[in-house]
Structure formats: C-alpha cells, structure tokens
Amino acid sequence: MVDLKATETDCCSFGCRSSCVLSAVEPEVLAGLAPRIQRVRFGRGETILHEGTPTTGWAILCQGGARLTASAEQGKRVLLRFCSPGELVSGSPLVAHVLSATAVVPSVAGFIGRETVDELVRRCPEALLAAHRQLTQEQGCLVRRLVDLTYASTRQRLVRALLELGDEHGAAEGGGVRIDLPLSLRDLAEMIGAARPTTSGELQALARRGLVRLAWPTVFLLDPDGLRRHS
C-alpha cells in the first residue's frame, strides 16, 4: 500500500472518467477537490477495505480491479462481485463497512472523506444520484445471489455467475467471450456458495460440452448462448 501524490493520478485524466461515479462533477470542481482526495496504490492481494471497520466517506477504484466479499460461517467468504475502475468500492452511509475489498491486480483507490463528500454532493447532487444507482445495483446483485442460493442448482448458479462476469468484464474473442479478470477456482466457488471440488467438477462438465475453456487465471465462454440454455 503506497500513498500517491495527486499529480501522479489525477482523477480528471483517468481513462475511466466517463464511467466514474464522479463523471457528472464539473472538471473545475473536481480539480479543486483533488488535493483532498487521498490516492493509495495497492498490490495484488492487498486489502483495500476491511469488513467491519468504520466508514469515513467514499472509496473509489481509480485503476485496476477489486473483489468485494463478505464473511460467512466457519471462516468462509462470499464473493459478491468484482469492481471496475470508476466504481465505488464503498459508498455506504452505514457506520461500518459491510464488505471487504481486495485488489485482484495492482490498483489505485481514491479515498474521499465524509466532509468532502458532503461538500461534493452539495455542489453536484448528480454525484449522489450516481452513487445511489450503483449501490442499488449492488443490492440487486445481492438479492439475485440470495435467490439463486436458495432455489438454483449448483450448475445453474455457476452458469449465471459466468454469464454475469462475461457481461460485466468480458471481451469478444473468436466468437465467444474472454473474461478479463484474473479468476481462480476459489473466486467462482465463493461466488456460487459451493465447495471448490464441486465447482471444479461443474466447470469440467461445462468444458467437456464445449461451453467454456479454462486457462487459469483466464476463463473463456466459448458458447454464451449455449450457457444461457443451462441457466
């Protein structure tokens, strides 16, 4: 974890600027607030936010990628989703973080203190609306995951997780989709609430049918339409 100077990673210069929750903020307003945004670089596997620690404002992923997880019984974890640049890692008004965030590749996060957030939303209410939209989407993702855990089979949960990853983080390749995330078997198992051997067995079954190809840490969806018929 390394603190960065504002000039090293100017928010206004990020490639993700158009998709950032701060995209509605006027550049001159953002530039004025930039010195009050703490930018921190994280290495792969380093924790950006710890579940249960106090919230102090907003945390935005500026570069890289992060996995958001929640703790479960017996030391297990549930993987809710992966964050992309421009998204809030945490924007909850709650007292404590309900999720942990871990960098999946070398990443940069920007931390905006609560007072600065208050000033920001006073000057640009659209920023609050953007944050609210993302948090609503997160809530919807959690609800769908809970419904799947209750009613869907392991294979259905796996297929839906793969399709979700393809939709959100996929790149077209050879008639299929390459998931542009460094995935592991543990990631997929935590997304669908299954043991790793069970998840591995279901993945191999999909691979034998020509629906996916595994080249860890990359997963290819060879036949997305065929996968949807299994969802």
Protein backbone atom coordinates (compact mmCIF):
# COMPACT_ATOMS: atom_id res chain seq x y z
CA MET A 1 0.00 0.00 0.00
CA VAL A 2 1.58 3.28 -1.15
CA ASP A 3 0.21 6.82 -0.85
CA LEU A 4 0.36 8.72 -4.12
CA LYS A 5 0.63 12.40 -4.81
CA ALA A 6 -2.37 13.96 -6.50
CA THR A 7 -0.28 14.76 -9.57
CA GLU A 8 0.60 11.08 -10.04
CA THR A 9 -3.01 10.03 -10.63
CA ASP A 10 -5.19 12.99 -11.49
CA CYS A 11 -8.88 11.96 -11.43
CA CYS A 12 -9.55 14.09 -14.48
CA SER A 13 -7.01 12.15 -16.53
CA PHE A 14 -8.24 8.64 -15.86
CA GLY A 15 -9.45 6.61 -18.82
CA CYS A 16 -12.45 5.58 -16.72
CA ARG A 17 -13.53 9.22 -16.25
CA SER A 18 -16.67 8.80 -18.38
CA SER A 19 -17.86 5.80 -16.33
CA CYS A 20 -16.78 7.11 -12.92
CA VAL A 21 -19.35 7.95 -10.27
CA LEU A 22 -17.80 11.42 -10.36
CA SER A 23 -18.31 11.82 -14.11
CA ALA A 24 -21.11 14.34 -13.56
CA VAL A 25 -18.88 16.61 -11.49
CA GLU A 26 -17.60 19.64 -13.36
CA PRO A 27 -13.84 19.31 -14.05
CA GLU A 28 -13.05 22.59 -12.27
CA VAL A 29 -14.97 21.44 -9.18
CA LEU A 30 -13.21 18.08 -9.19
CA ALA A 31 -9.84 19.75 -9.70
CA GLY A 32 -10.48 21.95 -6.68
CA LEU A 33 -11.30 18.94 -4.52
CA ALA A 34 -8.48 16.76 -5.91
CA PRO A 35 -5.90 17.74 -3.24
CA ARG A 36 -8.32 16.42 -0.59
CA ILE A 37 -8.65 13.00 -2.25
CA GLN A 38 -6.15 10.51 -0.84
CA ARG A 39 -4.91 8.18 -3.56
CA VAL A 40 -3.39 4.90 -2.46
CA ARG A 41 -1.76 2.20 -4.57
CA PHE A 42 -2.37 -1.45 -3.61
CA GLY A 43 -0.52 -4.51 -4.77
CA ARG A 44 -2.31 -7.63 -5.94
CA GLY A 45 -3.90 -9.38 -2.98
CA GLU A 46 -3.70 -6.37 -0.66
CA THR A 47 -6.81 -5.35 1.23
CA ILE A 48 -8.29 -2.01 0.25
CA LEU A 49 -11.06 -2.05 2.88
CA HIS A 50 -11.70 -4.37 5.81
CA GLU A 51 -15.20 -5.55 6.63
CA GLY A 52 -16.32 -4.17 9.98
CA THR A 53 -14.01 -1.14 10.03
CA PRO A 54 -15.56 2.34 10.34
CA THR A 55 -16.62 4.14 7.17
CA THR A 56 -15.05 7.55 6.69
CA GLY A 57 -16.52 8.56 3.34
CA TRP A 58 -16.30 7.24 -0.20
CA ALA A 59 -13.69 4.92 -1.67
CA ILE A 60 -13.50 4.86 -5.48
CA LEU A 61 -11.48 2.39 -7.53
CA CYS A 62 -9.40 4.56 -9.86
CA GLN A 63 -7.27 1.91 -11.55
CA GLY A 64 -7.10 -1.89 -11.50
CA GLY A 65 -9.75 -4.21 -10.11
CA ALA A 66 -11.10 -5.39 -6.75
CA ARG A 67 -13.15 -8.25 -5.36
CA LEU A 68 -15.88 -7.48 -2.81
CA THR A 69 -16.50 -10.20 -0.24
CA ALA A 70 -18.45 -10.78 2.96
CA SER A 71 -17.58 -13.18 5.74
CA ALA A 72 -19.69 -16.27 6.41
CA GLU A 73 -19.70 -19.07 8.98
CA GLN A 74 -16.65 -21.25 9.60
CA GLY A 75 -14.26 -18.78 8.06
CA LYS A 76 -15.86 -18.95 4.62
CA ARG A 77 -16.35 -15.94 2.39
CA VAL A 78 -18.99 -14.98 -0.16
CA LEU A 79 -17.82 -13.10 -3.25
CA LEU A 80 -20.47 -10.55 -4.19
CA ARG A 81 -18.88 -9.01 -7.28
CA PHE A 82 -15.79 -7.51 -8.89
CA CYS A 83 -15.27 -3.74 -9.06
CA SER A 84 -14.05 -1.98 -12.20
CA PRO A 85 -12.30 1.41 -12.43
CA GLY A 86 -14.64 4.29 -11.74
CA GLU A 87 -16.86 2.33 -9.35
CA LEU A 88 -17.38 2.87 -5.67
CA VAL A 89 -15.57 0.31 -3.57
CA SER A 90 -17.52 1.71 -0.66
CA GLY A 91 -20.06 4.50 -0.56
CA SER A 92 -22.32 3.17 2.14
CA PRO A 93 -23.72 5.62 4.72
CA LEU A 94 -23.55 2.86 7.32
CA VAL A 95 -21.28 3.16 10.33
CA ALA A 96 -19.09 0.21 9.34
CA HIS A 97 -18.08 -1.42 6.06
CA VAL A 98 -20.24 -4.45 5.34
CA LEU A 99 -17.83 -5.83 2.73
CA SER A 100 -14.10 -6.30 2.35
CA ALA A 101 -12.36 -5.15 -0.84
CA THR A 102 -9.18 -6.81 -2.12
CA ALA A 103 -7.11 -5.79 -5.13
CA VAL A 104 -7.04 -8.51 -7.81
CA VAL A 105 -4.37 -6.68 -9.81
CA PRO A 106 -2.15 -3.70 -8.88
CA SER A 107 -4.72 -0.99 -8.22
CA VAL A 108 -5.25 2.59 -7.14
CA ALA A 109 -8.11 3.68 -4.90
CA GLY A 110 -9.18 7.23 -4.09
CA PHE A 111 -10.50 7.96 -0.59
CA ILE A 112 -12.79 10.94 -0.12
CA GLY A 113 -13.51 11.98 3.47
CA ARG A 114 -17.05 12.46 4.69
CA GLU A 115 -16.80 16.27 4.86
CA THR A 116 -15.51 16.41 1.31
CA VAL A 117 -18.29 14.08 0.17
CA ASP A 118 -20.86 16.36 1.80
CA GLU A 119 -19.40 19.38 0.01
CA LEU A 120 -19.25 17.46 -3.25
CA VAL A 121 -22.90 16.42 -3.22
CA ARG A 122 -23.99 19.94 -2.23
CA ARG A 123 -22.20 21.33 -5.27
CA CYS A 124 -23.11 18.45 -7.57
CA PRO A 125 -26.18 16.43 -6.48
CA GLU A 126 -25.78 14.27 -9.60
CA ALA A 127 -22.78 12.62 -7.93
CA LEU A 128 -25.03 11.39 -5.11
CA LEU A 129 -27.52 10.05 -7.66
CA ALA A 130 -24.73 8.16 -9.44
CA ALA A 131 -23.57 6.66 -6.14
CA HIS A 132 -27.15 5.73 -5.26
CA ARG A 133 -27.60 3.99 -8.63
CA GLN A 134 -24.50 1.89 -8.08
CA LEU A 135 -25.48 0.93 -4.54
CA THR A 136 -28.95 -0.02 -5.81
CA GLN A 137 -27.36 -2.25 -8.45
CA GLU A 138 -25.22 -3.83 -5.74
CA GLN A 139 -28.31 -4.51 -3.67
CA GLY A 140 -29.99 -6.10 -6.69
CA CYS A 141 -26.95 -8.29 -7.26
CA LEU A 142 -27.08 -9.45 -3.65
CA VAL A 143 -30.80 -10.25 -3.88
CA ARG A 144 -30.27 -12.30 -7.06
CA ARG A 145 -27.42 -14.17 -5.41
CA LEU A 146 -29.58 -14.98 -2.38
CA VAL A 147 -32.43 -16.23 -4.60
CA ASP A 148 -30.00 -18.42 -6.56
CA LEU A 149 -28.50 -19.85 -3.38
CA THR A 150 -32.00 -20.75 -2.20
CA TYR A 151 -33.54 -22.18 -5.35
CA ALA A 152 -30.98 -22.77 -8.13
CA SER A 153 -28.78 -25.82 -8.60
CA THR A 154 -25.00 -25.56 -8.34
CA ARG A 155 -24.68 -25.72 -12.12
CA GLN A 156 -27.28 -23.01 -12.62
CA ARG A 157 -25.53 -20.76 -10.11
CA LEU A 158 -22.19 -21.34 -11.81
CA VAL A 159 -23.55 -20.65 -15.30
CA ARG A 160 -25.27 -17.47 -14.14
CA ALA A 161 -22.09 -16.29 -12.42
CA LEU A 162 -20.05 -16.92 -15.57
CA LEU A 163 -22.56 -15.08 -17.76
CA GLU A 164 -22.63 -12.19 -15.29
CA LEU A 165 -18.83 -11.97 -15.38
CA GLY A 166 -18.90 -12.13 -19.17
CA ASP A 167 -21.46 -9.33 -19.39
CA GLU A 168 -19.64 -7.05 -16.94
CA HIS A 169 -15.98 -7.88 -17.60
CA GLY A 170 -15.95 -9.72 -20.91
CA ALA A 171 -14.21 -9.04 -24.21
CA ALA A 172 -15.30 -10.63 -27.50
CA GLU A 173 -12.82 -13.19 -28.79
CA GLY A 174 -13.17 -15.83 -31.51
CA GLY A 175 -16.94 -15.90 -31.46
CA GLY A 176 -17.01 -16.21 -27.68
CA VAL A 177 -16.17 -14.07 -24.66
CA ARG A 178 -12.94 -13.82 -22.69
CA ILE A 179 -13.49 -12.80 -19.07
CA ASP A 180 -10.94 -10.05 -18.49
CA LEU A 181 -10.31 -10.83 -14.85
CA PRO A 182 -7.63 -12.97 -13.21
CA LEU A 183 -10.05 -15.58 -11.88
CA SER A 184 -9.36 -18.52 -9.62
CA LEU A 185 -11.37 -21.59 -8.70
CA ARG A 186 -11.77 -20.07 -5.25
CA ASP A 187 -13.37 -16.94 -6.77
CA LEU A 188 -16.01 -18.93 -8.62
CA ALA A 189 -16.66 -21.17 -5.63
CA GLU A 190 -17.17 -18.13 -3.39
CA MET A 191 -19.50 -16.54 -5.96
CA ILE A 192 -21.83 -19.54 -6.05
CA GLY A 193 -21.55 -20.74 -2.44
CA ALA A 194 -20.13 -24.17 -3.31
CA ALA A 195 -17.08 -26.17 -2.31
CA ARG A 196 -14.09 -25.95 -4.66
CA PRO A 197 -14.21 -29.65 -5.68
CA THR A 198 -17.89 -29.30 -6.56
CA THR A 199 -17.24 -26.10 -8.52
CA SER A 200 -14.33 -27.73 -10.34
CA GLY A 201 -16.47 -30.70 -11.31
CA GLU A 202 -19.20 -28.47 -12.73
CA LEU A 203 -16.62 -26.42 -14.67
CA GLN A 204 -15.13 -29.55 -16.17
CA ALA A 205 -18.59 -30.72 -17.20
CA LEU A 206 -19.19 -27.41 -18.99
CA ALA A 207 -15.76 -27.65 -20.62
CA ARG A 208 -16.49 -31.18 -21.92
CA ARG A 209 -19.62 -29.81 -23.60
CA GLY A 210 -17.55 -27.13 -25.34
CA LEU A 211 -19.23 -24.30 -23.46
CA VAL A 212 -16.18 -22.95 -21.61
CA ARG A 213 -12.41 -23.22 -21.76
CA LEU A 214 -10.25 -22.91 -18.67
CA ALA A 215 -6.78 -21.41 -18.89
CA TRP A 216 -6.39 -20.12 -15.34
CA PRO A 217 -6.44 -17.29 -14.48
CA THR A 218 -8.45 -16.71 -17.66
CA VAL A 219 -11.84 -18.25 -18.40
CA PHE A 220 -13.30 -18.27 -21.92
CA LEU A 221 -17.04 -18.53 -22.60
CA LEU A 222 -16.95 -20.40 -25.90
CA ASP A 223 -20.73 -20.57 -26.36
CA PRO A 224 -22.58 -17.93 -24.31
CA ASP A 225 -25.91 -18.82 -25.93
CA GLY A 226 -25.39 -22.47 -25.05
CA LEU A 227 -24.59 -21.47 -21.47
CA ARG A 228 -27.80 -19.46 -21.23
CA ARG A 229 -29.76 -22.60 -22.04
CA HIS A 230 -28.29 -24.10 -18.86
CA SER A 231 -29.15 -21.13 -16.67
